[in-house]
Amino acid sequence: MYNNTLTAEEIAEMADKGDDITHFLSKPEKGYAEKVKKLHNNNVCKTTIDFSLDMVEDIDSVASQLNLNRQAVIIMVMKEFLIRNRLSENITNMQNFSLQGIMSQS
């Protein structure tokens, strides 16, 4: 069996020596794997983004005005950007298609 009264430093030393310390680690909360699985089944991917402090303050200001949280504002702005970008690409493709038709008639 193992000793539960080891300090964090002693456990770290054991890990550094290559000893198995998994029995000292806490287990994830019950249902954690199912929650992660459910997120991925709904095509949701968790990501981390680094923002400057100025940007975070600006985002928080907008979030406060809209009575939303920071994450909701970031998602909303990114979605709007992606929609506009997609529309812009579609318009450009349609213009190119029209120009090709005009050029082929000449």
N, C-alpha and C. Protein backbone atom coordinates (compact mmCIF):
# COMPACT_ATOMS: atom_id res chain seq x y z
N MET A 1 0.84 -1.19 0.00
CA MET A 1 0.00 0.00 0.00
C MET A 1 0.87 1.24 0.00
N TYR A 2 0.30 2.40 -0.01
CA TYR A 2 1.05 3.64 -0.07
C TYR A 2 0.70 4.52 1.12
N ASN A 3 1.56 5.50 1.35
CA ASN A 3 1.40 6.40 2.48
C ASN A 3 0.65 7.65 2.03
N ASN A 4 -0.51 7.93 2.61
CA ASN A 4 -1.32 9.10 2.24
C ASN A 4 -0.82 10.38 2.90
N THR A 5 0.19 10.30 3.75
CA THR A 5 0.63 11.49 4.47
C THR A 5 1.86 12.15 3.84
N LEU A 6 2.17 11.79 2.61
CA LEU A 6 3.31 12.41 1.94
C LEU A 6 2.98 13.86 1.57
N THR A 7 4.01 14.69 1.58
CA THR A 7 3.81 16.08 1.16
C THR A 7 3.85 16.16 -0.36
N ALA A 8 3.42 17.30 -0.88
CA ALA A 8 3.45 17.50 -2.32
C ALA A 8 4.88 17.42 -2.85
N GLU A 9 5.83 17.93 -2.09
CA GLU A 9 7.23 17.89 -2.50
C GLU A 9 7.73 16.45 -2.59
N GLU A 10 7.34 15.61 -1.62
CA GLU A 10 7.75 14.21 -1.64
C GLU A 10 7.14 13.47 -2.83
N ILE A 11 5.90 13.77 -3.12
CA ILE A 11 5.25 13.14 -4.28
C ILE A 11 5.93 13.61 -5.57
N ALA A 12 6.27 14.90 -5.63
CA ALA A 12 6.96 15.44 -6.81
C ALA A 12 8.31 14.76 -6.99
N GLU A 13 9.02 14.53 -5.90
CA GLU A 13 10.31 13.83 -5.97
C GLU A 13 10.12 12.41 -6.50
N MET A 14 9.06 11.74 -6.04
CA MET A 14 8.77 10.39 -6.53
C MET A 14 8.54 10.43 -8.05
N ALA A 15 7.78 11.42 -8.50
CA ALA A 15 7.49 11.55 -9.93
C ALA A 15 8.77 11.81 -10.71
N ASP A 16 9.64 12.65 -10.15
CA ASP A 16 10.91 12.95 -10.81
C ASP A 16 11.77 11.70 -10.96
N LYS A 17 11.66 10.78 -9.98
CA LYS A 17 12.43 9.53 -10.03
C LYS A 17 11.78 8.52 -10.97
N GLY A 18 10.57 8.81 -11.44
CA GLY A 18 9.88 7.90 -12.35
C GLY A 18 8.94 6.94 -11.66
N ASP A 19 8.71 7.15 -10.36
CA ASP A 19 7.78 6.28 -9.62
C ASP A 19 6.34 6.56 -10.05
N ASP A 20 5.48 5.56 -9.92
CA ASP A 20 4.07 5.71 -10.24
C ASP A 20 3.38 6.47 -9.12
N ILE A 21 2.85 7.64 -9.43
CA ILE A 21 2.17 8.46 -8.41
C ILE A 21 0.69 8.62 -8.70
N THR A 22 0.16 7.85 -9.64
CA THR A 22 -1.23 8.03 -10.04
C THR A 22 -2.20 7.83 -8.89
N HIS A 23 -1.86 6.99 -7.94
CA HIS A 23 -2.77 6.76 -6.81
C HIS A 23 -2.85 7.96 -5.88
N PHE A 24 -1.94 8.94 -6.03
CA PHE A 24 -2.01 10.17 -5.23
C PHE A 24 -2.86 11.24 -5.91
N LEU A 25 -3.15 11.04 -7.17
CA LEU A 25 -3.90 12.05 -7.92
C LEU A 25 -5.39 11.89 -7.69
N SER A 26 -6.10 13.00 -7.66
CA SER A 26 -7.54 12.92 -7.47
C SER A 26 -8.19 12.48 -8.77
N LYS A 27 -9.32 11.82 -8.63
CA LYS A 27 -10.06 11.36 -9.79
C LYS A 27 -10.96 12.49 -10.28
N PRO A 28 -11.18 12.55 -11.61
CA PRO A 28 -12.10 13.58 -12.12
C PRO A 28 -13.50 13.38 -11.53
N GLU A 29 -14.25 14.45 -11.49
CA GLU A 29 -15.61 14.36 -10.95
C GLU A 29 -16.43 13.34 -11.73
N LYS A 30 -17.37 12.75 -11.07
CA LYS A 30 -18.21 11.74 -11.71
C LYS A 30 -18.97 12.38 -12.87
N GLY A 31 -18.94 11.71 -14.01
CA GLY A 31 -19.64 12.21 -15.18
C GLY A 31 -18.80 13.14 -16.05
N TYR A 32 -17.54 13.39 -15.65
CA TYR A 32 -16.70 14.31 -16.42
C TYR A 32 -16.51 13.83 -17.86
N ALA A 33 -16.20 12.55 -18.02
CA ALA A 33 -15.98 12.01 -19.37
C ALA A 33 -17.24 12.16 -20.23
N GLU A 34 -18.39 11.96 -19.62
CA GLU A 34 -19.63 12.09 -20.38
C GLU A 34 -19.86 13.54 -20.81
N LYS A 35 -19.49 14.49 -19.92
CA LYS A 35 -19.64 15.90 -20.27
C LYS A 35 -18.75 16.26 -21.45
N VAL A 36 -17.50 15.81 -21.41
CA VAL A 36 -16.57 16.08 -22.50
C VAL A 36 -17.07 15.44 -23.78
N LYS A 37 -17.53 14.20 -23.67
CA LYS A 37 -18.05 13.48 -24.84
C LYS A 37 -19.25 14.23 -25.43
N LYS A 38 -20.13 14.71 -24.56
CA LYS A 38 -21.32 15.43 -25.02
C LYS A 38 -20.92 16.71 -25.76
N LEU A 39 -19.92 17.42 -25.24
CA LEU A 39 -19.46 18.64 -25.92
C LEU A 39 -18.99 18.32 -27.33
N HIS A 40 -18.19 17.27 -27.46
CA HIS A 40 -17.66 16.93 -28.77
C HIS A 40 -18.74 16.37 -29.69
N ASN A 41 -19.74 15.72 -29.13
CA ASN A 41 -20.84 15.22 -29.96
C ASN A 41 -21.65 16.37 -30.54
N ASN A 42 -21.66 17.51 -29.87
CA ASN A 42 -22.40 18.68 -30.36
C ASN A 42 -21.50 19.61 -31.17
N ASN A 43 -20.37 19.09 -31.63
CA ASN A 43 -19.42 19.87 -32.43
C ASN A 43 -18.97 21.15 -31.73
N VAL A 44 -18.76 21.07 -30.43
CA VAL A 44 -18.24 22.19 -29.66
C VAL A 44 -16.81 21.84 -29.26
N CYS A 45 -15.91 22.78 -29.47
CA CYS A 45 -14.52 22.56 -29.12
C CYS A 45 -14.07 23.67 -28.18
N LYS A 46 -13.53 23.29 -27.06
CA LYS A 46 -13.05 24.28 -26.10
C LYS A 46 -11.68 24.76 -26.52
N THR A 47 -11.45 26.07 -26.45
CA THR A 47 -10.16 26.63 -26.85
C THR A 47 -9.77 27.73 -25.88
N THR A 48 -8.50 28.07 -25.88
CA THR A 48 -7.99 29.15 -25.04
C THR A 48 -7.40 30.21 -25.94
N ILE A 49 -7.74 31.46 -25.68
CA ILE A 49 -7.23 32.58 -26.48
C ILE A 49 -6.63 33.60 -25.54
N ASP A 50 -5.47 34.11 -25.90
CA ASP A 50 -4.82 35.15 -25.10
C ASP A 50 -5.17 36.52 -25.69
N PHE A 51 -5.68 37.41 -24.85
CA PHE A 51 -6.00 38.77 -25.25
C PHE A 51 -5.17 39.73 -24.40
N SER A 52 -4.88 40.90 -24.95
CA SER A 52 -4.22 41.93 -24.15
C SER A 52 -5.22 42.43 -23.10
N LEU A 53 -4.71 43.02 -22.05
CA LEU A 53 -5.57 43.55 -20.99
C LEU A 53 -6.52 44.60 -21.54
N ASP A 54 -6.04 45.44 -22.46
CA ASP A 54 -6.90 46.47 -23.07
C ASP A 54 -8.08 45.84 -23.79
N MET A 55 -7.81 44.76 -24.54
CA MET A 55 -8.90 44.09 -25.28
C MET A 55 -9.91 43.48 -24.32
N VAL A 56 -9.42 42.87 -23.26
CA VAL A 56 -10.33 42.26 -22.28
C VAL A 56 -11.20 43.32 -21.64
N GLU A 57 -10.63 44.45 -21.33
CA GLU A 57 -11.41 45.54 -20.73
C GLU A 57 -12.48 46.03 -21.72
N ASP A 58 -12.10 46.15 -23.00
CA ASP A 58 -13.08 46.57 -24.01
C ASP A 58 -14.19 45.53 -24.18
N ILE A 59 -13.81 44.27 -24.21
CA ILE A 59 -14.80 43.18 -24.33
C ILE A 59 -15.73 43.19 -23.13
N ASP A 60 -15.16 43.36 -21.94
CA ASP A 60 -15.98 43.38 -20.73
C ASP A 60 -16.93 44.57 -20.71
N SER A 61 -16.48 45.70 -21.25
CA SER A 61 -17.34 46.88 -21.31
C SER A 61 -18.54 46.62 -22.22
N VAL A 62 -18.27 46.03 -23.38
CA VAL A 62 -19.37 45.69 -24.31
C VAL A 62 -20.29 44.66 -23.67
N ALA A 63 -19.69 43.67 -23.02
CA ALA A 63 -20.48 42.62 -22.38
C ALA A 63 -21.41 43.21 -21.32
N SER A 64 -20.89 44.15 -20.57
CA SER A 64 -21.71 44.79 -19.53
C SER A 64 -22.87 45.56 -20.15
N GLN A 65 -22.61 46.28 -21.24
CA GLN A 65 -23.65 47.04 -21.91
C GLN A 65 -24.74 46.13 -22.47
N LEU A 66 -24.33 44.95 -22.95
CA LEU A 66 -25.29 44.02 -23.55
C LEU A 66 -25.85 43.03 -22.54
N ASN A 67 -25.38 43.13 -21.29
CA ASN A 67 -25.79 42.22 -20.23
C ASN A 67 -25.50 40.76 -20.62
N LEU A 68 -24.30 40.56 -21.17
CA LEU A 68 -23.83 39.23 -21.55
C LEU A 68 -22.51 38.96 -20.85
N ASN A 69 -22.06 37.72 -20.92
CA ASN A 69 -20.74 37.44 -20.38
C ASN A 69 -19.70 37.60 -21.48
N ARG A 70 -18.44 37.61 -21.09
CA ARG A 70 -17.33 37.82 -22.03
C ARG A 70 -17.34 36.79 -23.16
N GLN A 71 -17.54 35.53 -22.81
CA GLN A 71 -17.53 34.47 -23.82
C GLN A 71 -18.62 34.68 -24.87
N ALA A 72 -19.79 35.08 -24.43
CA ALA A 72 -20.90 35.31 -25.37
C ALA A 72 -20.56 36.43 -26.35
N VAL A 73 -19.92 37.48 -25.87
CA VAL A 73 -19.55 38.60 -26.74
C VAL A 73 -18.52 38.15 -27.77
N ILE A 74 -17.52 37.40 -27.32
CA ILE A 74 -16.48 36.93 -28.23
C ILE A 74 -17.09 36.02 -29.30
N ILE A 75 -17.96 35.12 -28.90
CA ILE A 75 -18.60 34.21 -29.85
C ILE A 75 -19.45 35.00 -30.84
N MET A 76 -20.21 35.97 -30.34
CA MET A 76 -21.08 36.77 -31.19
C MET A 76 -20.25 37.55 -32.23
N VAL A 77 -19.18 38.17 -31.80
CA VAL A 77 -18.35 38.96 -32.71
C VAL A 77 -17.67 38.06 -33.74
N MET A 78 -17.16 36.91 -33.30
CA MET A 78 -16.50 35.99 -34.23
C MET A 78 -17.50 35.45 -35.26
N LYS A 79 -18.69 35.13 -34.81
CA LYS A 79 -19.70 34.61 -35.73
C LYS A 79 -20.06 35.67 -36.77
N GLU A 80 -20.23 36.91 -36.33
CA GLU A 80 -20.54 38.00 -37.27
C GLU A 80 -19.41 38.17 -38.28
N PHE A 81 -18.16 38.12 -37.81
CA PHE A 81 -17.02 38.23 -38.71
C PHE A 81 -17.03 37.10 -39.75
N LEU A 82 -17.25 35.87 -39.29
CA LEU A 82 -17.24 34.73 -40.20
C LEU A 82 -18.36 34.81 -41.23
N ILE A 83 -19.54 35.27 -40.81
CA ILE A 83 -20.67 35.43 -41.74
C ILE A 83 -20.34 36.49 -42.78
N ARG A 84 -19.81 37.63 -42.34
CA ARG A 84 -19.46 38.70 -43.28
C ARG A 84 -18.37 38.23 -44.25
N ASN A 85 -17.40 37.51 -43.73
CA ASN A 85 -16.31 37.00 -44.57
C ASN A 85 -16.86 36.02 -45.62
N ARG A 86 -17.77 35.16 -45.20
CA ARG A 86 -18.37 34.19 -46.11
C ARG A 86 -19.20 34.90 -47.18
N LEU A 87 -19.98 35.92 -46.78
CA LEU A 87 -20.76 36.69 -47.74
C LEU A 87 -19.85 37.40 -48.74
N SER A 88 -18.77 37.96 -48.23
CA SER A 88 -17.82 38.65 -49.09
C SER A 88 -17.21 37.69 -50.10
N GLU A 89 -16.86 36.49 -49.67
CA GLU A 89 -16.31 35.49 -50.59
C GLU A 89 -17.35 35.10 -51.63
N ASN A 90 -18.60 34.93 -51.21
CA ASN A 90 -19.67 34.57 -52.16
C ASN A 90 -19.89 35.67 -53.19
N ILE A 91 -19.87 36.91 -52.76
CA ILE A 91 -20.05 38.04 -53.69
C ILE A 91 -18.90 38.07 -54.68
N THR A 92 -17.68 37.89 -54.18
CA THR A 92 -16.51 37.88 -55.07
C THR A 92 -16.61 36.74 -56.07
N ASN A 93 -17.02 35.57 -55.62
CA ASN A 93 -17.18 34.43 -56.53
C ASN A 93 -18.24 34.70 -57.58
N MET A 94 -19.36 35.33 -57.17
CA MET A 94 -20.43 35.65 -58.13
C MET A 94 -19.93 36.68 -59.14
N GLN A 95 -19.17 37.68 -58.68
CA GLN A 95 -18.64 38.69 -59.60
C GLN A 95 -17.69 38.05 -60.60
N ASN A 96 -16.83 37.16 -60.11
CA ASN A 96 -15.90 36.47 -61.01
C ASN A 96 -16.65 35.62 -62.02
N PHE A 97 -17.69 34.96 -61.56
CA PHE A 97 -18.50 34.14 -62.46
C PHE A 97 -19.16 35.00 -63.54
N SER A 98 -19.70 36.16 -63.13
CA SER A 98 -20.34 37.08 -64.08
C SER A 98 -19.31 37.61 -65.08
N LEU A 99 -18.13 37.97 -64.61
CA LEU A 99 -17.10 38.47 -65.50
C LEU A 99 -16.67 37.41 -66.51
N GLN A 100 -16.60 36.17 -66.06
CA GLN A 100 -16.23 35.09 -66.96
C GLN A 100 -17.29 34.93 -68.06
N GLY A 101 -18.55 35.07 -67.69
CA GLY A 101 -19.63 34.97 -68.67
C GLY A 101 -19.56 36.10 -69.68
N ILE A 102 -19.27 37.31 -69.21
CA ILE A 102 -19.16 38.46 -70.11
C ILE A 102 -17.97 38.30 -71.04
N MET A 103 -16.86 37.83 -70.48
CA MET A 103 -15.64 37.65 -71.29
C MET A 103 -15.83 36.58 -72.34
N SER A 104 -16.57 35.53 -72.03
CA SER A 104 -16.76 34.43 -72.98
C SER A 104 -17.71 34.85 -74.12
N GLN A 105 -18.57 35.85 -73.87
CA GLN A 105 -19.50 36.33 -74.89
C GLN A 105 -18.81 37.26 -75.88
N SER A 106 -17.69 37.83 -75.49
CA SER A 106 -16.99 38.81 -76.35
C SER A 106 -16.32 38.16 -77.52
